[in-house]
PDB file of all heavy atoms in Angstrom:
ATOM      1  N   TYR A   1      88.595 125.241  95.238  1.00  0.00           N
ATOM      2  CA  TYR A   1      88.484 123.831  95.747  1.00  0.00           C
ATOM      3  C   TYR A   1      89.351 122.910  94.831  1.00  0.00           C
ATOM      4  O   TYR A   1      90.192 122.106  95.392  1.00  0.00           O
ATOM      5  CB  TYR A   1      87.034 123.388  95.737  1.00  0.00           C
ATOM      6  CG  TYR A   1      86.899 121.968  96.205  1.00  0.00           C
ATOM      7  CD1 TYR A   1      86.719 121.721  97.554  1.00  0.00           C
ATOM      8  CD2 TYR A   1      87.068 120.889  95.343  1.00  0.00           C
ATOM      9  CE1 TYR A   1      86.559 120.411  98.079  1.00  0.00           C
ATOM     10  CE2 TYR A   1      86.927 119.526  95.836  1.00  0.00           C
ATOM     11  CZ  TYR A   1      86.701 119.348  97.129  1.00  0.00           C
ATOM     12  OH  TYR A   1      86.633 118.059  97.581  1.00  0.00           O
ATOM     13  N   ALA A   2      89.243 123.094  93.579  1.00  0.00           N
ATOM     14  CA  ALA A   2      90.055 122.138  92.729  1.00  0.00           C
ATOM     15  C   ALA A   2      91.527 122.337  92.848  1.00  0.00           C
ATOM     16  O   ALA A   2      92.284 121.250  92.936  1.00  0.00           O
ATOM     17  CB  ALA A   2      89.670 122.364  91.191  1.00  0.00           C
ATOM     18  N   GLY A   3      91.971 123.538  92.998  1.00  0.00           N
ATOM     19  CA  GLY A   3      93.353 123.797  93.109  1.00  0.00           C
ATOM     20  C   GLY A   3      93.921 123.240  94.441  1.00  0.00           C
ATOM     21  O   GLY A   3      94.996 122.629  94.517  1.00  0.00           O
ATOM     22  N   ALA A   4      93.129 123.411  95.537  1.00  0.00           N
ATOM     23  CA  ALA A   4      93.548 123.048  96.805  1.00  0.00           C
ATOM     24  C   ALA A   4      93.578 121.388  96.922  1.00  0.00           C
ATOM     25  O   ALA A   4      94.413 120.838  97.528  1.00  0.00           O
ATOM     26  CB  ALA A   4      92.651 123.592  97.872  1.00  0.00           C
ATOM     27  N   PHE A   5      92.609 120.827  96.250  1.00  0.00           N
ATOM     28  CA  PHE A   5      92.497 119.312  96.253  1.00  0.00           C
ATOM     29  C   PHE A   5      93.813 118.807  95.545  1.00  0.00           C
ATOM     30  O   PHE A   5      94.371 117.876  96.043  1.00  0.00           O
ATOM     31  CB  PHE A   5      91.258 118.946  95.567  1.00  0.00           C
ATOM     32  CG  PHE A   5      90.978 117.417  95.711  1.00  0.00           C
ATOM     33  CD1 PHE A   5      90.101 117.009  96.746  1.00  0.00           C
ATOM     34  CD2 PHE A   5      91.604 116.516  94.882  1.00  0.00           C
ATOM     35  CE1 PHE A   5      89.828 115.699  96.879  1.00  0.00           C
ATOM     36  CE2 PHE A   5      91.305 115.166  95.031  1.00  0.00           C
ATOM     37  CZ  PHE A   5      90.462 114.721  96.037  1.00  0.00           C
ATOM     38  N   ALA A   6      94.071 119.383  94.452  1.00  0.00           N
ATOM     39  CA  ALA A   6      95.283 118.758  93.675  1.00  0.00           C
ATOM     40  C   ALA A   6      96.574 119.049  94.516  1.00  0.00           C
ATOM     41  O   ALA A   6      97.407 118.080  94.511  1.00  0.00           O
ATOM     42  CB  ALA A   6      95.434 119.611  92.383  1.00  0.00           C
ATOM     43  N   ILE A   7      96.686 120.169  95.154  1.00  0.00           N
ATOM     44  CA  ILE A   7      97.864 120.358  96.005  1.00  0.00           C
ATOM     45  C   ILE A   7      97.934 119.398  97.147  1.00  0.00           C
ATOM     46  O   ILE A   7      99.002 118.788  97.444  1.00  0.00           O
ATOM     47  CB  ILE A   7      97.886 121.787  96.495  1.00  0.00           C
ATOM     48  CG1 ILE A   7      98.099 122.794  95.265  1.00  0.00           C
ATOM     49  CG2 ILE A   7      99.020 122.007  97.505  1.00  0.00           C
ATOM     50  CD1 ILE A   7      97.910 124.231  95.646  1.00  0.00           C
ATOM     51  N   GLY A   8      96.794 119.216  97.873  1.00  0.00           N
ATOM     52  CA  GLY A   8      96.771 118.360  99.028  1.00  0.00           C
ATOM     53  C   GLY A   8      97.060 116.968  98.654  1.00  0.00           C
ATOM     54  O   GLY A   8      97.740 116.214  99.314  1.00  0.00           O
ATOM     55  N   TYR A   9      96.423 116.508  97.538  1.00  0.00           N
ATOM     56  CA  TYR A   9      96.618 115.094  97.137  1.00  0.00           C
ATOM     57  C   TYR A   9      98.113 114.833  96.765  1.00  0.00           C
ATOM     58  O   TYR A   9      98.724 113.781  97.005  1.00  0.00           O
ATOM     59  CB  TYR A   9      95.725 114.716  95.956  1.00  0.00           C
ATOM     60  CG  TYR A   9      95.655 113.283  95.698  1.00  0.00           C
ATOM     61  CD1 TYR A   9      94.962 112.392  96.499  1.00  0.00           C
ATOM     62  CD2 TYR A   9      96.401 112.742  94.624  1.00  0.00           C
ATOM     63  CE1 TYR A   9      94.917 111.047  96.268  1.00  0.00           C
ATOM     64  CE2 TYR A   9      96.328 111.303  94.310  1.00  0.00           C
ATOM     65  CZ  TYR A   9      95.611 110.537  95.161  1.00  0.00           C
ATOM     66  OH  TYR A   9      95.573 109.174  94.908  1.00  0.00           O
ATOM     67  N   THR A  10      98.669 115.801  96.033  1.00  0.00           N
ATOM     68  CA  THR A  10     100.164 115.683  95.649  1.00  0.00           C
ATOM     69  C   THR A  10     100.945 115.574  96.926  1.00  0.00           C
ATOM     70  O   THR A  10     101.886 114.713  97.068  1.00  0.00           O
ATOM     71  CB  THR A  10     100.603 116.888  94.860  1.00  0.00           C
ATOM     72  OG1 THR A  10      99.799 116.926  93.662  1.00  0.00           O
ATOM     73  CG2 THR A  10     101.993 116.754  94.443  1.00  0.00           C
ATOM     74  N   ALA A  11     100.761 116.423  97.949  1.00  0.00           N
ATOM     75  CA  ALA A  11     101.496 116.413  99.195  1.00  0.00           C
ATOM     76  C   ALA A  11     101.296 115.094  99.889  1.00  0.00           C
ATOM     77  O   ALA A  11     102.314 114.428 100.375  1.00  0.00           O
ATOM     78  CB  ALA A  11     101.137 117.583 100.074  1.00  0.00           C
ATOM     79  N   GLY A  12     100.165 114.621  99.857  1.00  0.00           N
ATOM     80  CA  GLY A  12      99.817 113.370 100.496  1.00  0.00           C
ATOM     81  C   GLY A  12     100.531 112.116  99.825  1.00  0.00           C
ATOM     82  O   GLY A  12     100.994 111.226 100.614  1.00  0.00           O
ATOM     83  N   ARG A  13     100.624 112.189  98.558  1.00  0.00           N
ATOM     84  CA  ARG A  13     101.252 111.110  97.848  1.00  0.00           C
ATOM     85  C   ARG A  13     102.792 111.054  98.054  1.00  0.00           C
ATOM     86  O   ARG A  13     103.406 110.023  97.909  1.00  0.00           O
ATOM     87  CB  ARG A  13     100.943 111.173  96.312  1.00  0.00           C
ATOM     88  CG  ARG A  13      99.419 110.856  96.035  1.00  0.00           C
ATOM     89  CD  ARG A  13      98.956 109.566  96.500  1.00  0.00           C
ATOM     90  NE  ARG A  13      99.553 108.511  95.692  1.00  0.00           N
ATOM     91  CZ  ARG A  13      99.344 107.166  95.952  1.00  0.00           C
ATOM     92  NH1 ARG A  13      98.596 106.753  97.013  1.00  0.00           N
ATOM     93  NH2 ARG A  13      99.886 106.262  95.156  1.00  0.00           N
ATOM     94  N   VAL A  14     103.371 112.235  98.378  1.00  0.00           N
ATOM     95  CA  VAL A  14     104.768 112.279  98.574  1.00  0.00           C
ATOM     96  C   VAL A  14     105.199 111.494  99.810  1.00  0.00           C
ATOM     97  O   VAL A  14     106.242 110.854  99.882  1.00  0.00           O
ATOM     98  CB  VAL A  14     105.276 113.752  98.683  1.00  0.00           C
ATOM     99  CG1 VAL A  14     106.713 113.773  99.143  1.00  0.00           C
ATOM    100  CG2 VAL A  14     105.114 114.492  97.323  1.00  0.00           C
ATOM    101  N   GLY A  15     104.299 111.576 100.843  1.00  0.00           N
ATOM    102  CA  GLY A  15     104.551 110.880 102.077  1.00  0.00           C
ATOM    103  C   GLY A  15     103.899 111.567 103.264  1.00  0.00           C
ATOM    104  O   GLY A  15     103.571 112.741 103.235  1.00  0.00           O
ATOM    105  N   ASP A  16     103.659 110.724 104.304  1.00  0.00           N
ATOM    106  CA  ASP A  16     102.806 111.294 105.399  1.00  0.00           C
ATOM    107  C   ASP A  16     103.587 112.428 106.144  1.00  0.00           C
ATOM    108  O   ASP A  16     102.950 113.366 106.580  1.00  0.00           O
ATOM    109  CB  ASP A  16     102.571 110.165 106.464  1.00  0.00           C
ATOM    110  CG  ASP A  16     101.513 109.198 105.921  1.00  0.00           C
ATOM    111  OD1 ASP A  16     100.710 109.569 104.977  1.00  0.00           O
ATOM    112  OD2 ASP A  16     101.439 108.023 106.411  1.00  0.00           O
ATOM    113  N   LYS A  17     104.860 112.349 106.282  1.00  0.00           N
ATOM    114  CA  LYS A  17     105.573 113.422 107.002  1.00  0.00           C
ATOM    115  C   LYS A  17     105.523 114.729 106.186  1.00  0.00           C
ATOM    116  O   LYS A  17     105.354 115.753 106.767  1.00  0.00           O
ATOM    117  CB  LYS A  17     107.071 113.022 107.235  1.00  0.00           C
ATOM    118  CG  LYS A  17     107.278 111.909 108.276  1.00  0.00           C
ATOM    119  CD  LYS A  17     108.691 111.614 108.501  1.00  0.00           C
ATOM    120  CE  LYS A  17     108.824 110.592 109.559  1.00  0.00           C
ATOM    121  NZ  LYS A  17     108.364 110.966 110.902  1.00  0.00           N
ATOM    122  N   VAL A  18     105.579 114.588 104.925  1.00  0.00           N
ATOM    123  CA  VAL A  18     105.414 115.864 104.066  1.00  0.00           C
ATOM    124  C   VAL A  18     103.965 116.272 104.099  1.00  0.00           C
ATOM    125  O   VAL A  18     103.729 117.533 104.225  1.00  0.00           O
ATOM    126  CB  VAL A  18     105.842 115.497 102.603  1.00  0.00           C
ATOM    127  CG1 VAL A  18     105.482 116.687 101.674  1.00  0.00           C
ATOM    128  CG2 VAL A  18     107.336 115.176 102.554  1.00  0.00           C
ATOM    129  N   SER A  19     103.081 115.375 104.024  1.00  0.00           N
ATOM    130  CA  SER A  19     101.634 115.810 104.173  1.00  0.00           C
ATOM    131  C   SER A  19     101.346 116.529 105.453  1.00  0.00           C
ATOM    132  O   SER A  19     100.686 117.513 105.507  1.00  0.00           O
ATOM    133  CB  SER A  19     100.751 114.556 103.989  1.00  0.00           C
ATOM    134  OG  SER A  19      99.379 114.876 103.880  1.00  0.00           O
ATOM    135  N   LEU A  20     101.797 115.922 106.620  1.00  0.00           N
ATOM    136  CA  LEU A  20     101.686 116.676 107.835  1.00  0.00           C
ATOM    137  C   LEU A  20     102.389 117.960 107.895  1.00  0.00           C
ATOM    138  O   LEU A  20     101.897 118.897 108.627  1.00  0.00           O
ATOM    139  CB  LEU A  20     102.126 115.667 108.970  1.00  0.00           C
ATOM    140  CG  LEU A  20     101.203 114.408 109.216  1.00  0.00           C
ATOM    141  CD1 LEU A  20     101.966 113.379 110.103  1.00  0.00           C
ATOM    142  CD2 LEU A  20      99.937 114.920 109.937  1.00  0.00           C
ATOM    143  N   GLY A  21     103.580 117.997 107.415  1.00  0.00           N
ATOM    144  CA  GLY A  21     104.311 119.286 107.331  1.00  0.00           C
ATOM    145  C   GLY A  21     103.576 120.288 106.504  1.00  0.00           C
ATOM    146  O   GLY A  21     103.521 121.571 106.847  1.00  0.00           O
ATOM    147  N   PHE A  22     102.937 119.944 105.467  1.00  0.00           N
ATOM    148  CA  PHE A  22     102.179 120.784 104.632  1.00  0.00           C
ATOM    149  C   PHE A  22     100.999 121.330 105.507  1.00  0.00           C
ATOM    150  O   PHE A  22     100.623 122.496 105.380  1.00  0.00           O
ATOM    151  CB  PHE A  22     101.724 120.136 103.371  1.00  0.00           C
ATOM    152  CG  PHE A  22     100.944 121.035 102.382  1.00  0.00           C
ATOM    153  CD1 PHE A  22     101.538 121.931 101.575  1.00  0.00           C
ATOM    154  CD2 PHE A  22      99.547 120.886 102.343  1.00  0.00           C
ATOM    155  CE1 PHE A  22     100.819 122.738 100.738  1.00  0.00           C
ATOM    156  CE2 PHE A  22      98.817 121.757 101.488  1.00  0.00           C
ATOM    157  CZ  PHE A  22      99.503 122.697 100.745  1.00  0.00           C
ATOM    158  N   MET A  23     100.255 120.403 106.159  1.00  0.00           N
ATOM    159  CA  MET A  23      99.152 120.737 107.008  1.00  0.00           C
ATOM    160  C   MET A  23      99.599 121.774 108.124  1.00  0.00           C
ATOM    161  O   MET A  23      98.943 122.787 108.328  1.00  0.00           O
ATOM    162  CB  MET A  23      98.629 119.494 107.697  1.00  0.00           C
ATOM    163  CG  MET A  23      97.507 119.690 108.709  1.00  0.00           C
ATOM    164  SD  MET A  23      97.009 118.180 109.452  1.00  0.00           S
ATOM    165  CE  MET A  23      95.852 118.759 110.684  1.00  0.00           C
ATOM    166  N   ALA A  24     100.767 121.537 108.700  1.00  0.00           N
ATOM    167  CA  ALA A  24     101.289 122.362 109.722  1.00  0.00           C
ATOM    168  C   ALA A  24     101.607 123.767 109.244  1.00  0.00           C
ATOM    169  O   ALA A  24     101.257 124.746 109.812  1.00  0.00           O
ATOM    170  CB  ALA A  24     102.478 121.741 110.428  1.00  0.00           C
ATOM    171  N   GLU A  25     102.292 123.784 108.058  1.00  0.00           N
ATOM    172  CA  GLU A  25     102.613 125.118 107.482  1.00  0.00           C
ATOM    173  C   GLU A  25     101.352 125.810 107.043  1.00  0.00           C
ATOM    174  O   GLU A  25     101.276 127.183 107.157  1.00  0.00           O
ATOM    175  CB  GLU A  25     103.612 124.910 106.351  1.00  0.00           C
ATOM    176  CG  GLU A  25     104.036 126.216 105.669  1.00  0.00           C
ATOM    177  CD  GLU A  25     104.726 127.236 106.554  1.00  0.00           C
ATOM    178  OE1 GLU A  25     105.288 126.782 107.511  1.00  0.00           O
ATOM    179  OE2 GLU A  25     104.669 128.429 106.243  1.00  0.00           O
ATOM    180  N   THR A  26     100.456 125.159 106.480  1.00  0.00           N
ATOM    181  CA  THR A  26      99.151 125.799 106.051  1.00  0.00           C
ATOM    182  C   THR A  26      98.502 126.459 107.267  1.00  0.00           C
ATOM    183  O   THR A  26      98.042 127.683 107.183  1.00  0.00           O
ATOM    184  CB  THR A  26      98.251 124.763 105.360  1.00  0.00           C
ATOM    185  OG1 THR A  26      98.816 124.256 104.188  1.00  0.00           O
ATOM    186  CG2 THR A  26      96.901 125.387 104.975  1.00  0.00           C
ATOM    187  N   GLU A  27      98.384 125.695 108.305  1.00  0.00           N
ATOM    188  CA  GLU A  27      97.605 126.072 109.559  1.00  0.00           C
ATOM    189  C   GLU A  27      98.425 127.269 110.116  1.00  0.00           C
ATOM    190  O   GLU A  27      97.836 128.270 110.709  1.00  0.00           O
ATOM    191  CB  GLU A  27      97.400 125.107 110.539  1.00  0.00           C
ATOM    192  CG  GLU A  27      96.590 123.928 110.058  1.00  0.00           C
ATOM    193  CD  GLU A  27      95.093 124.351 109.744  1.00  0.00           C
ATOM    194  OE1 GLU A  27      94.767 125.513 109.614  1.00  0.00           O
ATOM    195  OE2 GLU A  27      94.252 123.445 109.791  1.00  0.00           O
ATOM    196  N   ARG A  28      99.778 127.248 110.094  1.00  0.00           N
ATOM    197  CA  ARG A  28     100.534 128.370 110.631  1.00  0.00           C
ATOM    198  C   ARG A  28     100.290 129.715 109.913  1.00  0.00           C
ATOM    199  O   ARG A  28     100.080 130.769 110.500  1.00  0.00           O
ATOM    200  CB  ARG A  28     102.003 128.159 110.614  1.00  0.00           C
ATOM    201  CG  ARG A  28     102.919 129.076 111.275  1.00  0.00           C
ATOM    202  CD  ARG A  28     104.380 128.781 111.054  1.00  0.00           C
ATOM    203  NE  ARG A  28     104.796 129.020 109.672  1.00  0.00           N
ATOM    204  CZ  ARG A  28     105.119 130.205 109.144  1.00  0.00           C
ATOM    205  NH1 ARG A  28     104.961 131.271 109.892  1.00  0.00           N
ATOM    206  NH2 ARG A  28     105.479 130.261 107.897  1.00  0.00           N
ATOM    207  N   GLN A  29     100.230 129.576 108.562  1.00  0.00           N
ATOM    208  CA  GLN A  29      99.979 130.733 107.715  1.00  0.00           C
ATOM    209  C   GLN A  29      98.522 131.225 107.904  1.00  0.00           C
ATOM    210  O   GLN A  29      98.274 132.423 107.999  1.00  0.00           O
ATOM    211  CB  GLN A  29     100.167 130.441 106.213  1.00  0.00           C
ATOM    212  CG  GLN A  29     101.708 130.180 105.920  1.00  0.00           C
ATOM    213  CD  GLN A  29     102.013 130.083 104.520  1.00  0.00           C
ATOM    214  OE1 GLN A  29     101.267 130.482 103.663  1.00  0.00           O
ATOM    215  NE2 GLN A  29     103.195 129.566 104.199  1.00  0.00           N
TER     216      GLN A  29
END
């Protein structure tokens, strides 16, 4: 949980398009 939270928050702070891209790639995998 801690690792995933840190990764998700970092992606979110980079920007919404990156955050959504991270979500899309995660769900694809």
